[in-house]
Amino acid sequence: MPEGPEIRRAADELAAAVADQQVTKIFFAFEHLKPYANQLQGETVCQVTARGKAILTRFSNGMTLYTHNQLYGRWLITADGEYPESSRQLRLAIHTGEHAALLYSASDISILNDTELQQHPYVSRLGPDLLDPGVEAEHLAVLLNEKQFRRRCLMGLLQDQRVMAGMGNYLCCEALHIAGIHPQQRPADLSATQLLQLTDSCLHLARQSYETGGITNDLERATLLRQQGEPFEACRFHVYRREGMPCYRCGTDIFKGKFCGRMGYLCPTCQRHS
C-alpha cells in the first residue's frame, strides 16, 4: 500500500494539474456517487491536500472529494481527453479542459461536506502527520509513551494511523532499523533516548522519502549504488526487501519474518530483542 510520502507526491501532482481550475466534467464509476457529478461540474478545484494516506480535493461549493488509494489505487495525470491503455478500472475522472486526473482501481471514494469530513472515520482519527513540518520528534515520543500505547508492539503501533499518519510497512521497518530497535519491543521497553531516536528516525525517513521519491537508504550510498548500475529499487532501502542480503552496518544477513502479526525486515545483529 502506498505510504504517506507516495500519497503526498500524488497529491502534489494532482494539485499541479487541477488546482485553481474549473471542472468541465467529472466522472464517477460508482452509482451512489454519480448524482454528485452535476453538483461539481463548473466548480473550481480550490485545494488538494494529503492527510495520512488519503487525498482531499476541495471544490468551490464547499464539497470535498475524499479518496484513499488503498492497496491498488493509482492516480494518473493526462492531457484532457487522453486515456491510457490499462487493465485497471477507471473509478474517477476530473476534467479541466487542459488536464484530466484519472483515478484507477481505488474503491474508497466519498463526497463530503464540512461536517461529514470532520466526522469521517478515517480522517477524524488520524494522528500527527509525519510530513507536517510542525510535527516534532519530542511530541511523537511523548505520544508513544502514553498509557494507551506504551505496551503495544512497535511493529503494529507505528503503523496505526491514529498514532502516526502516513506511516506504513517500509517506513516502519526502516525507522526501527536506523534506531536499532527490534520490531517486537514496546515503547515501555525503551529508554527516553531510544524513544526519541525512534521518533526522529520516523520523521527523518518519511520526509527524505517524500523528497527523493522513495529513498530511505543513506543518500550517498544510494547515489553510489546507482552510479554502479544498480536499479532504483536495489538502492532504496536499508533493510526493507533485502532478505538474505548483508546489513550495510554490520554485514549480517537481513531477516524477513512476522513480528506481532505483520511481515517485516530487520538485521538480527543491529536489532537484538533485549
Foldseek 3Di string as FASTA:
>chain_A
DAFQLVQQVVLVVVCVQAAQFAFQFKDAPDPVCVVCGVVRHRWGFHGWGDWQQWIWTATPVQKIKIFGCPPHKDKDKDAPPDDDDDPWAWGMWTDRNGMIITITDTDPIDIDHPVCQCVPPQRVQFDAELPPVVDALVVLLVLCCDPVRQQAQQQVSQCPRSRYRRDDAQLSQQLCAQLLADRRHGNVVDDSVSSSSSSVSSSVQSNVCSVPVQASPDPVQLVVCVVVPDDNVVSRGQWFPQAQAARPVPGAGKHWDAHPRRIHIYRCVSHPDD
